[in-house]
Amino acid sequence: MSRSKLSQRIVRHSPSTGAGSPDVWGIYEPDTGSIQYICADPATKKAALIDVVWNLDPRNQRFSTGSMDQVLDLVAQNGLAVEWVLDTHPHADHVMASAQLRDRTGAPNAIGAMVPDIARIWADLYHLPEAFDPPRDFDRLFADGETFRIGDLQVRVMLSPGHTLGSITYVCGDAAFTHDTLMQPDVGTSRADFPGGDSGQLWDSIQEILALPTETRLFVGHDYGTDNRNEPEWEATVADHRARNRHVRDGTLRDDWIAIRDARDATLPLPDRILAALQINLRGGRLPAPEADGHSYLKTPVNRF
């Protein structure tokens, strides 16, 4: 089967469904299977950028800005004004564009309040005890239950640990950005085996998400297609997931799912960008300070994974 559509930067618009409902654009990043989002208030044209990618070629550790350029072009084409630069967690499979976008738009950047706890885990793994300071590198660290606004729309933050201990979900009207908890219904759920991850916590987080109103549009963080689907997808309702998600549909038992998830995770390799990405993402998407020769360098743990 041709997988050509999984190698394209596809954009789809999910329109507002009425009062209190945002316009959402999903922008597929094919190198990492990541979905980047624009969440906008139709009335004020204010927008948030969510989980945007700073492209990294892991073969030569070279960065490029194609994905963030595409997102900002889409913002301009739709007459939007960026009010927030948001991430759901420190990503393991791509480098976040947070700092770059904050500099380019002037909008504050934000992530979850438990990211300093994630930073402490990885500071030990990298043996970089003073490297990471999330309160320095993010303008806001959102706590569970905290609210903020995109234009006139209210956004609620849900702590959704499991994939990482500090992942958060953004709920804006009838849209929820669920990051690396759920995959599409025909795929199931995301992994929970990174340091600080926990499959039991992930199950609990997913159940909280699936308790949202059934018409809520859930926007996932990744899609890689399936043996029967060669086009990326990233949107489904709570009702869709509860009826047909292959891992967590209604009637699934917690202990059964944890056993399946843990067994599956034990077979998965580390993402090829993780050791570079986390040491940048835990700096808010900034490279380490240049050394005496003017270049930045990353540190790689040996025999730690």
C-alpha atoms as a PDB file:
ATOM      1  CA  MET A   1       0.000   0.000   0.000  1.00  0.00           C
ATOM      2  CA  SER A   2       1.282   3.472  -0.856  1.00  0.00           C
ATOM      3  CA  ARG A   3       2.000   5.536   2.247  1.00  0.00           C
ATOM      4  CA  SER A   4       2.582   8.779   0.323  1.00  0.00           C
ATOM      5  CA  LYS A   5      -0.043  10.774   2.231  1.00  0.00           C
ATOM      6  CA  LEU A   6       1.874  10.072   5.440  1.00  0.00           C
ATOM      7  CA  SER A   7       4.865  11.899   3.958  1.00  0.00           C
ATOM      8  CA  GLN A   8       3.015  15.164   3.246  1.00  0.00           C
ATOM      9  CA  ARG A   9       2.470  18.269   5.371  1.00  0.00           C
ATOM     10  CA  ILE A  10      -1.305  18.001   5.403  1.00  0.00           C
ATOM     11  CA  VAL A  11      -3.533  20.772   6.813  1.00  0.00           C
ATOM     12  CA  ARG A  12      -7.183  20.344   7.853  1.00  0.00           C
ATOM     13  CA  HIS A  13      -9.630  22.845   9.318  1.00  0.00           C
ATOM     14  CA  SER A  14     -12.134  21.730  11.943  1.00  0.00           C
ATOM     15  CA  PRO A  15     -14.599  24.646  12.075  1.00  0.00           C
ATOM     16  CA  SER A  16     -16.256  26.079  15.136  1.00  0.00           C
ATOM     17  CA  THR A  17     -19.572  24.435  15.920  1.00  0.00           C
ATOM     18  CA  GLY A  18     -21.108  27.549  17.475  1.00  0.00           C
ATOM     19  CA  ALA A  19     -20.877  29.836  20.470  1.00  0.00           C
ATOM     20  CA  GLY A  20     -17.936  28.995  22.723  1.00  0.00           C
ATOM     21  CA  SER A  21     -16.417  26.610  20.174  1.00  0.00           C
ATOM     22  CA  PRO A  22     -13.009  27.273  18.596  1.00  0.00           C
ATOM     23  CA  ASP A  23     -11.817  26.994  15.045  1.00  0.00           C
ATOM     24  CA  VAL A  24      -9.051  24.388  14.944  1.00  0.00           C
ATOM     25  CA  TRP A  25      -6.457  23.778  12.274  1.00  0.00           C
ATOM     26  CA  GLY A  26      -4.364  20.605  12.421  1.00  0.00           C
ATOM     27  CA  ILE A  27      -1.027  20.605  10.606  1.00  0.00           C
ATOM     28  CA  TYR A  28       0.595  17.206  10.140  1.00  0.00           C
ATOM     29  CA  GLU A  29       4.394  17.002  10.441  1.00  0.00           C
ATOM     30  CA  PRO A  30       5.396  13.846   8.544  1.00  0.00           C
ATOM     31  CA  ASP A  31       8.949  13.270   9.816  1.00  0.00           C
ATOM     32  CA  THR A  32       7.741  12.606  13.370  1.00  0.00           C
ATOM     33  CA  GLY A  33       4.041  11.907  12.785  1.00  0.00           C
ATOM     34  CA  SER A  34       3.260  14.918  14.991  1.00  0.00           C
ATOM     35  CA  ILE A  35       0.129  17.045  14.734  1.00  0.00           C
ATOM     36  CA  GLN A  36       0.529  20.760  15.385  1.00  0.00           C
ATOM     37  CA  TYR A  37      -2.526  22.862  16.143  1.00  0.00           C
ATOM     38  CA  ILE A  38      -3.902  26.352  15.825  1.00  0.00           C
ATOM     39  CA  CYS A  39      -6.840  26.957  18.183  1.00  0.00           C
ATOM     40  CA  ALA A  40      -8.614  30.238  17.431  1.00  0.00           C
ATOM     41  CA  ASP A  41     -11.567  32.264  18.664  1.00  0.00           C
ATOM     42  CA  PRO A  42     -13.755  32.948  15.583  1.00  0.00           C
ATOM     43  CA  ALA A  43     -15.051  36.203  17.082  1.00  0.00           C
ATOM     44  CA  THR A  44     -11.773  37.907  18.017  1.00  0.00           C
ATOM     45  CA  LYS A  45      -9.354  36.054  15.706  1.00  0.00           C
ATOM     46  CA  LYS A  46      -7.037  35.492  18.666  1.00  0.00           C
ATOM     47  CA  ALA A  47      -5.205  32.176  18.505  1.00  0.00           C
ATOM     48  CA  ALA A  48      -2.980  29.735  20.381  1.00  0.00           C
ATOM     49  CA  LEU A  49      -0.321  27.599  18.745  1.00  0.00           C
ATOM     50  CA  ILE A  50      -0.091  24.133  20.298  1.00  0.00           C
ATOM     51  CA  ASP A  51       2.791  21.618  20.078  1.00  0.00           C
ATOM     52  CA  VAL A  52       4.514  23.190  17.081  1.00  0.00           C
ATOM     53  CA  VAL A  53       7.657  21.448  15.808  1.00  0.00           C
ATOM     54  CA  TRP A  54      11.170  22.806  15.323  1.00  0.00           C
ATOM     55  CA  ASN A  55      12.430  20.413  12.668  1.00  0.00           C
ATOM     56  CA  LEU A  56      15.530  18.358  13.445  1.00  0.00           C
ATOM     57  CA  ASP A  57      17.317  15.972  11.112  1.00  0.00           C
ATOM     58  CA  PRO A  58      18.757  13.386  13.548  1.00  0.00           C
ATOM     59  CA  ARG A  59      21.350  12.197  11.036  1.00  0.00           C
ATOM     60  CA  ASN A  60      23.320  15.414  11.152  1.00  0.00           C
ATOM     61  CA  GLN A  61      21.724  17.247  14.108  1.00  0.00           C
ATOM     62  CA  ARG A  62      20.709  20.129  11.855  1.00  0.00           C
ATOM     63  CA  PHE A  63      17.650  22.272  12.512  1.00  0.00           C
ATOM     64  CA  SER A  64      15.227  23.898  10.095  1.00  0.00           C
ATOM     65  CA  THR A  65      12.049  25.935  10.481  1.00  0.00           C
ATOM     66  CA  GLY A  66       9.753  24.554   7.777  1.00  0.00           C
ATOM     67  CA  SER A  67       7.026  23.430  10.158  1.00  0.00           C
ATOM     68  CA  MET A  68       6.815  26.585  12.234  1.00  0.00           C
ATOM     69  CA  ASP A  69       6.975  28.666   9.036  1.00  0.00           C
ATOM     70  CA  GLN A  70       4.010  26.708   7.679  1.00  0.00           C
ATOM     71  CA  VAL A  71       2.038  27.275  10.895  1.00  0.00           C
ATOM     72  CA  LEU A  72       2.768  31.010  10.931  1.00  0.00           C
ATOM     73  CA  ASP A  73       1.847  31.295   7.239  1.00  0.00           C
ATOM     74  CA  LEU A  74      -1.500  29.664   8.064  1.00  0.00           C
ATOM     75  CA  VAL A  75      -1.986  32.151  10.911  1.00  0.00           C
ATOM     76  CA  ALA A  76      -1.400  35.044   8.504  1.00  0.00           C
ATOM     77  CA  GLN A  77      -3.628  33.597   5.768  1.00  0.00           C
ATOM     78  CA  ASN A  78      -6.540  33.414   8.194  1.00  0.00           C
ATOM     79  CA  GLY A  79      -6.031  36.856   9.699  1.00  0.00           C
ATOM     80  CA  LEU A  80      -5.237  35.497  13.162  1.00  0.00           C
ATOM     81  CA  ALA A  81      -3.219  37.055  15.988  1.00  0.00           C
ATOM     82  CA  VAL A  82      -1.157  34.705  18.160  1.00  0.00           C
ATOM     83  CA  GLU A  83      -1.983  35.149  21.840  1.00  0.00           C
ATOM     84  CA  TRP A  84      -0.331  32.007  23.279  1.00  0.00           C
ATOM     85  CA  VAL A  85       2.421  29.527  22.414  1.00  0.00           C
ATOM     86  CA  LEU A  86       1.474  26.282  24.189  1.00  0.00           C
ATOM     87  CA  ASP A  87       2.952  22.840  24.669  1.00  0.00           C
ATOM     88  CA  THR A  88       1.298  19.886  26.338  1.00  0.00           C
ATOM     89  CA  HIS A  89       4.503  18.277  27.669  1.00  0.00           C
ATOM     90  CA  PRO A  90       8.261  18.064  26.959  1.00  0.00           C
ATOM     91  CA  HIS A  91       8.122  15.984  23.800  1.00  0.00           C
ATOM     92  CA  ALA A  92      10.406  12.979  23.293  1.00  0.00           C
ATOM     93  CA  ASP A  93       9.988  12.625  19.540  1.00  0.00           C
ATOM     94  CA  HIS A  94      10.281  16.191  18.315  1.00  0.00           C
ATOM     95  CA  VAL A  95      11.904  19.451  19.336  1.00  0.00           C
ATOM     96  CA  MET A  96       9.415  22.092  20.421  1.00  0.00           C
ATOM     97  CA  ALA A  97       9.339  25.424  18.612  1.00  0.00           C
ATOM     98  CA  SER A  98       8.228  27.253  21.767  1.00  0.00           C
ATOM     99  CA  ALA A  99      11.141  29.660  22.224  1.00  0.00           C
ATOM    100  CA  GLN A 100      11.400  30.350  18.506  1.00  0.00           C
ATOM    101  CA  LEU A 101       7.684  31.140  18.271  1.00  0.00           C
ATOM    102  CA  ARG A 102       7.749  33.331  21.372  1.00  0.00           C
ATOM    103  CA  ASP A 103      10.536  35.363  19.785  1.00  0.00           C
ATOM    104  CA  ARG A 104       8.756  35.560  16.425  1.00  0.00           C
ATOM    105  CA  THR A 105       5.257  36.384  17.686  1.00  0.00           C
ATOM    106  CA  GLY A 106       5.819  38.135  21.013  1.00  0.00           C
ATOM    107  CA  ALA A 107       3.237  35.796  22.610  1.00  0.00           C
ATOM    108  CA  PRO A 108       3.953  34.173  25.992  1.00  0.00           C
ATOM    109  CA  ASN A 109       4.832  30.487  26.048  1.00  0.00           C
ATOM    110  CA  ALA A 110       3.421  27.967  28.512  1.00  0.00           C
ATOM    111  CA  ILE A 111       3.477  24.328  29.597  1.00  0.00           C
ATOM    112  CA  GLY A 112       2.375  22.336  32.672  1.00  0.00           C
ATOM    113  CA  ALA A 113       3.332  23.112  36.264  1.00  0.00           C
ATOM    114  CA  MET A 114       4.908  19.683  36.848  1.00  0.00           C
ATOM    115  CA  VAL A 115       7.531  20.099  34.139  1.00  0.00           C
ATOM    116  CA  PRO A 116      10.164  21.036  36.773  1.00  0.00           C
ATOM    117  CA  ASP A 117       9.688  17.514  38.188  1.00  0.00           C
ATOM    118  CA  ILE A 118      10.329  16.053  34.725  1.00  0.00           C
ATOM    119  CA  ALA A 119      13.375  18.284  34.415  1.00  0.00           C
ATOM    120  CA  ARG A 120      14.835  16.870  37.632  1.00  0.00           C
ATOM    121  CA  ILE A 121      14.549  13.301  36.289  1.00  0.00           C
ATOM    122  CA  TRP A 122      16.309  14.172  33.067  1.00  0.00           C
ATOM    123  CA  ALA A 123      18.923  16.397  34.695  1.00  0.00           C
ATOM    124  CA  ASP A 124      20.053  13.252  36.507  1.00  0.00           C
ATOM    125  CA  LEU A 125      19.966  11.114  33.344  1.00  0.00           C
ATOM    126  CA  TYR A 126      22.052  13.672  31.440  1.00  0.00           C
ATOM    127  CA  HIS A 127      24.185  14.477  34.522  1.00  0.00           C
ATOM    128  CA  LEU A 128      23.393  18.156  33.944  1.00  0.00           C
ATOM    129  CA  PRO A 129      22.345  19.237  37.448  1.00  0.00           C
ATOM    130  CA  GLU A 130      22.078  22.966  36.684  1.00  0.00           C
ATOM    131  CA  ALA A 131      20.921  22.851  33.076  1.00  0.00           C
ATOM    132  CA  PHE A 132      17.139  23.034  33.279  1.00  0.00           C
ATOM    133  CA  ASP A 133      15.032  25.798  34.804  1.00  0.00           C
ATOM    134  CA  PRO A 134      11.478  25.699  33.367  1.00  0.00           C
ATOM    135  CA  PRO A 135      10.273  28.798  35.290  1.00  0.00           C
ATOM    136  CA  ARG A 136      13.060  30.681  33.518  1.00  0.00           C
ATOM    137  CA  ASP A 137      12.243  29.356  30.047  1.00  0.00           C
ATOM    138  CA  PHE A 138       8.423  29.411  30.100  1.00  0.00           C
ATOM    139  CA  ASP A 139       6.259  32.428  30.848  1.00  0.00           C
ATOM    140  CA  ARG A 140       3.539  30.307  32.482  1.00  0.00           C
ATOM    141  CA  LEU A 141       3.491  26.897  34.142  1.00  0.00           C
ATOM    142  CA  PHE A 142      -0.182  25.905  34.218  1.00  0.00           C
ATOM    143  CA  ALA A 143      -1.552  24.035  37.229  1.00  0.00           C
ATOM    144  CA  ASP A 144      -4.306  21.431  37.079  1.00  0.00           C
ATOM    145  CA  GLY A 145      -7.660  23.201  36.865  1.00  0.00           C
ATOM    146  CA  GLU A 146      -6.187  26.583  35.950  1.00  0.00           C
ATOM    147  CA  THR A 147      -8.015  28.607  33.290  1.00  0.00           C
ATOM    148  CA  PHE A 148      -6.953  31.235  30.772  1.00  0.00           C
ATOM    149  CA  ARG A 149      -8.416  32.790  27.634  1.00  0.00           C
ATOM    150  CA  ILE A 150      -7.837  32.694  23.912  1.00  0.00           C
ATOM    151  CA  GLY A 151      -9.720  35.807  22.862  1.00  0.00           C
ATOM    152  CA  ASP A 152     -13.145  35.393  24.445  1.00  0.00           C
ATOM    153  CA  LEU A 153     -12.847  31.614  24.769  1.00  0.00           C
ATOM    154  CA  GLN A 154     -12.014  30.052  28.121  1.00  0.00           C
ATOM    155  CA  VAL A 155      -9.458  27.241  28.237  1.00  0.00           C
ATOM    156  CA  ARG A 156      -9.230  24.798  31.148  1.00  0.00           C
ATOM    157  CA  VAL A 157      -6.056  22.887  31.958  1.00  0.00           C
ATOM    158  CA  MET A 158      -6.362  19.198  32.909  1.00  0.00           C
ATOM    159  CA  LEU A 159      -3.349  17.412  34.371  1.00  0.00           C
ATOM    160  CA  SER A 160      -3.135  14.200  32.305  1.00  0.00           C
ATOM    161  CA  PRO A 161      -0.099  12.240  33.531  1.00  0.00           C
ATOM    162  CA  GLY A 162       0.989   8.823  32.365  1.00  0.00           C
ATOM    163  CA  HIS A 163       2.889   9.453  29.149  1.00  0.00           C
ATOM    164  CA  THR A 164       4.935  11.865  31.243  1.00  0.00           C
ATOM    165  CA  LEU A 165       4.261  12.780  34.857  1.00  0.00           C
ATOM    166  CA  GLY A 166       3.469  16.379  33.874  1.00  0.00           C
ATOM    167  CA  SER A 167       1.463  16.140  30.637  1.00  0.00           C
ATOM    168  CA  ILE A 168      -1.561  18.439  30.391  1.00  0.00           C
ATOM    169  CA  THR A 169      -4.686  18.582  28.218  1.00  0.00           C
ATOM    170  CA  TYR A 170      -6.122  21.898  27.033  1.00  0.00           C
ATOM    171  CA  VAL A 171      -9.951  21.951  26.950  1.00  0.00           C
ATOM    172  CA  CYS A 172     -11.423  24.861  24.974  1.00  0.00           C
ATOM    173  CA  GLY A 173     -15.185  24.679  24.510  1.00  0.00           C
ATOM    174  CA  ASP A 174     -15.928  21.504  22.572  1.00  0.00           C
ATOM    175  CA  ALA A 175     -12.255  20.929  21.664  1.00  0.00           C
ATOM    176  CA  ALA A 176      -9.659  19.100  23.773  1.00  0.00           C
ATOM    177  CA  PHE A 177      -5.990  18.762  22.848  1.00  0.00           C
ATOM    178  CA  THR A 178      -5.122  15.419  24.393  1.00  0.00           C
ATOM    179  CA  HIS A 179      -1.428  15.145  23.404  1.00  0.00           C
ATOM    180  CA  ASP A 180       0.155  11.691  23.886  1.00  0.00           C
ATOM    181  CA  THR A 181      -2.658   9.963  25.757  1.00  0.00           C
ATOM    182  CA  LEU A 182      -4.967   8.716  23.022  1.00  0.00           C
ATOM    183  CA  MET A 183      -4.177   7.798  19.466  1.00  0.00           C
ATOM    184  CA  GLN A 184      -6.912   7.597  16.823  1.00  0.00           C
ATOM    185  CA  PRO A 185      -9.638   5.004  17.581  1.00  0.00           C
ATOM    186  CA  ASP A 186      -8.231   2.506  15.068  1.00  0.00           C
ATOM    187  CA  VAL A 187      -4.806   2.695  16.790  1.00  0.00           C
ATOM    188  CA  GLY A 188      -5.625   2.951  20.501  1.00  0.00           C
ATOM    189  CA  THR A 189      -3.434   4.710  23.060  1.00  0.00           C
ATOM    190  CA  SER A 190       0.065   6.093  23.543  1.00  0.00           C
ATOM    191  CA  ARG A 191       3.074   4.672  25.339  1.00  0.00           C
ATOM    192  CA  ALA A 192       3.827   5.162  29.031  1.00  0.00           C
ATOM    193  CA  ASP A 193       7.350   3.796  29.428  1.00  0.00           C
ATOM    194  CA  PHE A 194       9.527   6.907  29.363  1.00  0.00           C
ATOM    195  CA  PRO A 195      11.166   7.962  32.657  1.00  0.00           C
ATOM    196  CA  GLY A 196       8.387   9.300  34.886  1.00  0.00           C
ATOM    197  CA  GLY A 197       5.671   7.629  32.818  1.00  0.00           C
ATOM    198  CA  ASP A 198       3.128   5.257  34.327  1.00  0.00           C
ATOM    199  CA  SER A 199       0.499   3.149  32.560  1.00  0.00           C
ATOM    200  CA  GLY A 200      -1.890   3.211  35.508  1.00  0.00           C
ATOM    201  CA  GLN A 201      -1.805   6.999  35.574  1.00  0.00           C
ATOM    202  CA  LEU A 202      -2.287   7.069  31.811  1.00  0.00           C
ATOM    203  CA  TRP A 203      -5.425   4.921  32.109  1.00  0.00           C
ATOM    204  CA  ASP A 204      -6.812   7.296  34.740  1.00  0.00           C
ATOM    205  CA  SER A 205      -6.021  10.328  32.571  1.00  0.00           C
ATOM    206  CA  ILE A 206      -7.719   8.771  29.558  1.00  0.00           C
ATOM    207  CA  GLN A 207     -10.834   8.017  31.599  1.00  0.00           C
ATOM    208  CA  GLU A 208     -11.015  11.657  32.685  1.00  0.00           C
ATOM    209  CA  ILE A 209     -10.750  12.742  29.059  1.00  0.00           C
ATOM    210  CA  LEU A 210     -13.436  10.265  27.992  1.00  0.00           C
ATOM    211  CA  ALA A 211     -15.722  11.670  30.703  1.00  0.00           C
ATOM    212  CA  LEU A 212     -15.914  14.963  28.786  1.00  0.00           C
ATOM    213  CA  PRO A 213     -19.184  15.595  26.891  1.00  0.00           C
ATOM    214  CA  THR A 214     -19.609  13.007  24.136  1.00  0.00           C
ATOM    215  CA  GLU A 215     -19.559  15.601  21.350  1.00  0.00           C
ATOM    216  CA  THR A 216     -16.152  16.950  22.437  1.00  0.00           C
ATOM    217  CA  ARG A 217     -13.645  16.919  19.574  1.00  0.00           C
ATOM    218  CA  LEU A 218     -10.459  15.183  20.752  1.00  0.00           C
ATOM    219  CA  PHE A 219      -7.281  16.197  18.925  1.00  0.00           C
ATOM    220  CA  VAL A 220      -4.408  13.734  19.398  1.00  0.00           C
ATOM    221  CA  GLY A 221      -0.669  14.386  19.322  1.00  0.00           C
ATOM    222  CA  HIS A 222       0.469  11.798  16.781  1.00  0.00           C
ATOM    223  CA  ASP A 223      -0.625   9.560  13.961  1.00  0.00           C
ATOM    224  CA  TYR A 224       1.395   7.095  11.901  1.00  0.00           C
ATOM    225  CA  GLY A 225      -1.377   5.514   9.858  1.00  0.00           C
ATOM    226  CA  THR A 226      -2.168   1.797  10.017  1.00  0.00           C
ATOM    227  CA  ASP A 227      -1.859  -1.210   7.736  1.00  0.00           C
ATOM    228  CA  ASN A 228      -5.294  -0.255   6.398  1.00  0.00           C
ATOM    229  CA  ARG A 229      -4.996   3.534   6.415  1.00  0.00           C
ATOM    230  CA  ASN A 230      -2.322   5.511   4.570  1.00  0.00           C
ATOM    231  CA  GLU A 231      -3.612   9.000   5.373  1.00  0.00           C
ATOM    232  CA  PRO A 232      -3.025  10.707   8.726  1.00  0.00           C
ATOM    233  CA  GLU A 233      -5.963  11.395  11.039  1.00  0.00           C
ATOM    234  CA  TRP A 234      -6.092  13.289  14.288  1.00  0.00           C
ATOM    235  CA  GLU A 235      -9.677  14.187  15.198  1.00  0.00           C
ATOM    236  CA  ALA A 236     -12.452  12.053  16.702  1.00  0.00           C
ATOM    237  CA  THR A 237     -15.149  12.718  19.294  1.00  0.00           C
ATOM    238  CA  VAL A 238     -15.383  11.336  22.805  1.00  0.00           C
ATOM    239  CA  ALA A 239     -18.303   9.256  21.523  1.00  0.00           C
ATOM    240  CA  ASP A 240     -16.110   7.827  18.730  1.00  0.00           C
ATOM    241  CA  HIS A 241     -13.424   6.754  21.189  1.00  0.00           C
ATOM    242  CA  ARG A 242     -15.857   5.287  23.683  1.00  0.00           C
ATOM    243  CA  ALA A 243     -17.525   3.266  20.942  1.00  0.00           C
ATOM    244  CA  ARG A 244     -14.536   2.014  18.962  1.00  0.00           C
ATOM    245  CA  ASN A 245     -11.113   2.877  20.383  1.00  0.00           C
ATOM    246  CA  ARG A 246      -9.325  -0.453  20.085  1.00  0.00           C
ATOM    247  CA  HIS A 247      -7.708  -0.138  23.521  1.00  0.00           C
ATOM    248  CA  VAL A 248     -10.117   1.803  25.743  1.00  0.00           C
ATOM    249  CA  ARG A 249     -13.644   1.507  24.335  1.00  0.00           C
ATOM    250  CA  ASP A 250     -16.465   1.264  26.854  1.00  0.00           C
ATOM    251  CA  GLY A 251     -16.311  -2.046  28.711  1.00  0.00           C
ATOM    252  CA  THR A 252     -12.508  -2.277  28.761  1.00  0.00           C
ATOM    253  CA  LEU A 253     -11.064  -3.248  32.153  1.00  0.00           C
ATOM    254  CA  ARG A 254      -8.271  -1.195  33.706  1.00  0.00           C
ATOM    255  CA  ASP A 255      -6.023  -4.143  34.610  1.00  0.00           C
ATOM    256  CA  ASP A 256      -6.440  -5.707  31.167  1.00  0.00           C
ATOM    257  CA  TRP A 257      -5.466  -2.477  29.448  1.00  0.00           C
ATOM    258  CA  ILE A 258      -2.438  -1.928  31.707  1.00  0.00           C
ATOM    259  CA  ALA A 259      -1.182  -5.440  30.917  1.00  0.00           C
ATOM    260  CA  ILE A 260      -1.565  -4.851  27.165  1.00  0.00           C
ATOM    261  CA  ARG A 261       0.016  -1.393  27.339  1.00  0.00           C
ATOM    262  CA  ASP A 262       3.007  -2.538  29.410  1.00  0.00           C
ATOM    263  CA  ALA A 263       3.637  -5.526  27.141  1.00  0.00           C
ATOM    264  CA  ARG A 264       3.471  -3.355  24.035  1.00  0.00           C
ATOM    265  CA  ASP A 265       5.724  -0.668  25.518  1.00  0.00           C
ATOM    266  CA  ALA A 266       8.394  -3.259  26.362  1.00  0.00           C
ATOM    267  CA  THR A 267       8.850  -3.867  22.618  1.00  0.00           C
ATOM    268  CA  LEU A 268       9.197  -0.211  21.572  1.00  0.00           C
ATOM    269  CA  PRO A 269      12.563   1.425  20.845  1.00  0.00           C
ATOM    270  CA  LEU A 270      13.389   4.942  21.969  1.00  0.00           C
ATOM    271  CA  PRO A 271      12.391   7.612  19.449  1.00  0.00           C
ATOM    272  CA  ASP A 272      15.382   8.601  17.352  1.00  0.00           C
ATOM    273  CA  ARG A 273      15.256  12.245  18.493  1.00  0.00           C
ATOM    274  CA  ILE A 274      14.609  11.736  22.226  1.00  0.00           C
ATOM    275  CA  LEU A 275      18.098  12.290  23.635  1.00  0.00           C
ATOM    276  CA  ALA A 276      18.514  15.500  21.655  1.00  0.00           C
ATOM    277  CA  ALA A 277      14.915  16.679  21.981  1.00  0.00           C
ATOM    278  CA  LEU A 278      14.493  16.496  25.753  1.00  0.00           C
ATOM    279  CA  GLN A 279      17.628  18.412  26.544  1.00  0.00           C
ATOM    280  CA  ILE A 280      16.339  21.209  24.297  1.00  0.00           C
ATOM    281  CA  ASN A 281      12.654  20.989  25.235  1.00  0.00           C
ATOM    282  CA  LEU A 282      13.428  21.174  28.941  1.00  0.00           C
ATOM    283  CA  ARG A 283      15.042  24.518  28.100  1.00  0.00           C
ATOM    284  CA  GLY A 284      11.787  25.658  26.478  1.00  0.00           C
ATOM    285  CA  GLY A 285      13.042  24.846  22.997  1.00  0.00           C
ATOM    286  CA  ARG A 286      16.415  26.559  23.343  1.00  0.00           C
ATOM    287  CA  LEU A 287      19.804  25.130  22.490  1.00  0.00           C
ATOM    288  CA  PRO A 288      22.459  25.007  25.217  1.00  0.00           C
ATOM    289  CA  ALA A 289      24.528  28.167  25.465  1.00  0.00           C
ATOM    290  CA  PRO A 290      27.303  28.318  22.859  1.00  0.00           C
ATOM    291  CA  GLU A 291      30.729  27.226  24.033  1.00  0.00           C
ATOM    292  CA  ALA A 292      34.020  29.063  23.448  1.00  0.00           C
ATOM    293  CA  ASP A 293      34.010  28.208  19.740  1.00  0.00           C
ATOM    294  CA  GLY A 294      30.555  29.729  19.269  1.00  0.00           C
ATOM    295  CA  HIS A 295      28.743  26.402  18.773  1.00  0.00           C
ATOM    296  CA  SER A 296      26.168  24.624  20.945  1.00  0.00           C
ATOM    297  CA  TYR A 297      26.666  21.005  21.960  1.00  0.00           C
ATOM    298  CA  LEU A 298      24.322  18.308  23.224  1.00  0.00           C
ATOM    299  CA  LYS A 299      25.218  15.615  25.758  1.00  0.00           C
ATOM    300  CA  THR A 300      24.392  11.935  25.156  1.00  0.00           C
ATOM    301  CA  PRO A 301      24.053   9.452  28.037  1.00  0.00           C
ATOM    302  CA  VAL A 302      25.786   6.151  27.323  1.00  0.00           C
ATOM    303  CA  ASN A 303      24.379   2.797  28.532  1.00  0.00           C
ATOM    304  CA  ARG A 304      21.547   4.488  30.399  1.00  0.00           C
ATOM    305  CA  PHE A 305      18.696   3.093  28.246  1.00  0.00           C
END
